[in-house]
Amino acid sequence: MKSGFFGSDAQTVSAQLDSLIDHYAQQGWEFYSLEKVNIQIMPGCIGQMLGQNASYISLDQVIFRQTA
C-alpha cells in the first residue's frame, strides 16, 4: 500500500474509476478508453485589455461502448 501525498490520491481515483466501470458494466456498457480533453478558457473583457492570454484546463473523459 502506498502512503503519502500521491498514494492516497491515486488510491481514491483508482477506486472511483473501478466503481464507475462496474456501474456501467451492470447496465450493458463496456469500458473503452480514458481520454484527456483540453479546454481553452479565454480571458474576459478586462483580462483581454490587460493583455492576458488564454489558459487551458485538462479533463479526463471515460469512454464506454455498448456491448452487443
C-alpha atoms as a PDB file:
ATOM      1  CA  MET A   1       0.000   0.000   0.000  1.00  0.00           C
ATOM      2  CA  LYS A   2       1.321   3.416  -0.949  1.00  0.00           C
ATOM      3  CA  SER A   3       1.206   6.235   1.533  1.00  0.00           C
ATOM      4  CA  GLY A   4       1.890   9.917   1.435  1.00  0.00           C
ATOM      5  CA  PHE A   5       0.647  12.676  -0.824  1.00  0.00           C
ATOM      6  CA  PHE A   6       0.390  10.718  -4.099  1.00  0.00           C
ATOM      7  CA  GLY A   7      -0.524   7.345  -2.617  1.00  0.00           C
ATOM      8  CA  SER A   8      -3.847   8.325  -1.087  1.00  0.00           C
ATOM      9  CA  ASP A   9      -4.932  10.368  -4.137  1.00  0.00           C
ATOM     10  CA  ALA A  10      -4.057   7.571  -6.560  1.00  0.00           C
ATOM     11  CA  GLN A  11      -5.959   5.032  -4.464  1.00  0.00           C
ATOM     12  CA  THR A  12      -9.040   7.262  -4.344  1.00  0.00           C
ATOM     13  CA  VAL A  13      -9.028   7.894  -8.094  1.00  0.00           C
ATOM     14  CA  SER A  14      -8.444   4.214  -8.813  1.00  0.00           C
ATOM     15  CA  ALA A  15     -11.369   3.194  -6.586  1.00  0.00           C
ATOM     16  CA  GLN A  16     -13.646   5.805  -8.209  1.00  0.00           C
ATOM     17  CA  LEU A  17     -12.761   4.623 -11.720  1.00  0.00           C
ATOM     18  CA  ASP A  18     -13.269   0.980 -10.745  1.00  0.00           C
ATOM     19  CA  SER A  19     -16.674   1.814  -9.259  1.00  0.00           C
ATOM     20  CA  LEU A  20     -17.685   3.775 -12.369  1.00  0.00           C
ATOM     21  CA  ILE A  21     -16.662   0.932 -14.704  1.00  0.00           C
ATOM     22  CA  ASP A  22     -18.563  -1.617 -12.588  1.00  0.00           C
ATOM     23  CA  HIS A  23     -21.657   0.607 -12.504  1.00  0.00           C
ATOM     24  CA  TYR A  24     -21.862   0.940 -16.288  1.00  0.00           C
ATOM     25  CA  ALA A  25     -20.894  -2.694 -16.900  1.00  0.00           C
ATOM     26  CA  GLN A  26     -24.025  -3.715 -14.989  1.00  0.00           C
ATOM     27  CA  GLN A  27     -26.041  -1.610 -17.448  1.00  0.00           C
ATOM     28  CA  GLY A  28     -24.561  -3.264 -20.545  1.00  0.00           C
ATOM     29  CA  TRP A  29     -21.701  -0.855 -21.252  1.00  0.00           C
ATOM     30  CA  GLU A  30     -18.067  -1.801 -21.767  1.00  0.00           C
ATOM     31  CA  PHE A  31     -15.148   0.407 -20.738  1.00  0.00           C
ATOM     32  CA  TYR A  32     -13.419   1.535 -23.940  1.00  0.00           C
ATOM     33  CA  SER A  33     -10.803   4.160 -23.063  1.00  0.00           C
ATOM     34  CA  LEU A  34      -9.742   7.043 -20.887  1.00  0.00           C
ATOM     35  CA  GLU A  35      -9.117  10.227 -22.897  1.00  0.00           C
ATOM     36  CA  LYS A  36      -7.719  13.625 -21.985  1.00  0.00           C
ATOM     37  CA  VAL A  37      -9.660  16.671 -23.245  1.00  0.00           C
ATOM     38  CA  ASN A  38      -8.075  20.137 -23.234  1.00  0.00           C
ATOM     39  CA  ILE A  39     -10.403  23.126 -22.919  1.00  0.00           C
ATOM     40  CA  GLN A  40      -9.339  26.654 -23.807  1.00  0.00           C
ATOM     41  CA  ILE A  41     -10.503  29.418 -21.448  1.00  0.00           C
ATOM     42  CA  MET A  42     -10.452  32.894 -22.959  1.00  0.00           C
ATOM     43  CA  PRO A  43      -9.937  35.885 -20.662  1.00  0.00           C
ATOM     44  CA  GLY A  44     -12.838  38.271 -20.135  1.00  0.00           C
ATOM     45  CA  CYS A  45     -13.037  41.819 -21.451  1.00  0.00           C
ATOM     46  CA  ILE A  46     -10.848  43.351 -18.743  1.00  0.00           C
ATOM     47  CA  GLY A  47      -8.382  40.475 -18.944  1.00  0.00           C
ATOM     48  CA  GLN A  48      -8.044  40.998 -22.685  1.00  0.00           C
ATOM     49  CA  MET A  49      -7.455  44.721 -22.150  1.00  0.00           C
ATOM     50  CA  LEU A  50      -4.700  43.845 -19.666  1.00  0.00           C
ATOM     51  CA  GLY A  51      -3.073  41.507 -22.201  1.00  0.00           C
ATOM     52  CA  GLN A  52      -3.965  38.199 -20.569  1.00  0.00           C
ATOM     53  CA  ASN A  53      -3.658  35.110 -22.739  1.00  0.00           C
ATOM     54  CA  ALA A  54      -5.961  32.145 -22.954  1.00  0.00           C
ATOM     55  CA  SER A  55      -5.483  29.462 -20.314  1.00  0.00           C
ATOM     56  CA  TYR A  56      -6.143  25.751 -20.600  1.00  0.00           C
ATOM     57  CA  ILE A  57      -7.588  23.102 -18.340  1.00  0.00           C
ATOM     58  CA  SER A  58      -7.292  19.391 -18.935  1.00  0.00           C
ATOM     59  CA  LEU A  59     -10.100  16.954 -18.108  1.00  0.00           C
ATOM     60  CA  ASP A  60     -10.176  13.173 -18.198  1.00  0.00           C
ATOM     61  CA  GLN A  61     -13.131  11.601 -20.010  1.00  0.00           C
ATOM     62  CA  VAL A  62     -14.132   7.972 -19.513  1.00  0.00           C
ATOM     63  CA  ILE A  63     -15.391   6.415 -22.775  1.00  0.00           C
ATOM     64  CA  PHE A  64     -17.749   3.452 -22.817  1.00  0.00           C
ATOM     65  CA  ARG A  65     -19.284   1.479 -25.678  1.00  0.00           C
ATOM     66  CA  GLN A  66     -22.439  -0.550 -25.601  1.00  0.00           C
ATOM     67  CA  THR A  67     -21.960  -4.285 -25.666  1.00  0.00           C
ATOM     68  CA  ALA A  68     -23.902  -6.319 -28.191  1.00  0.00           C
END
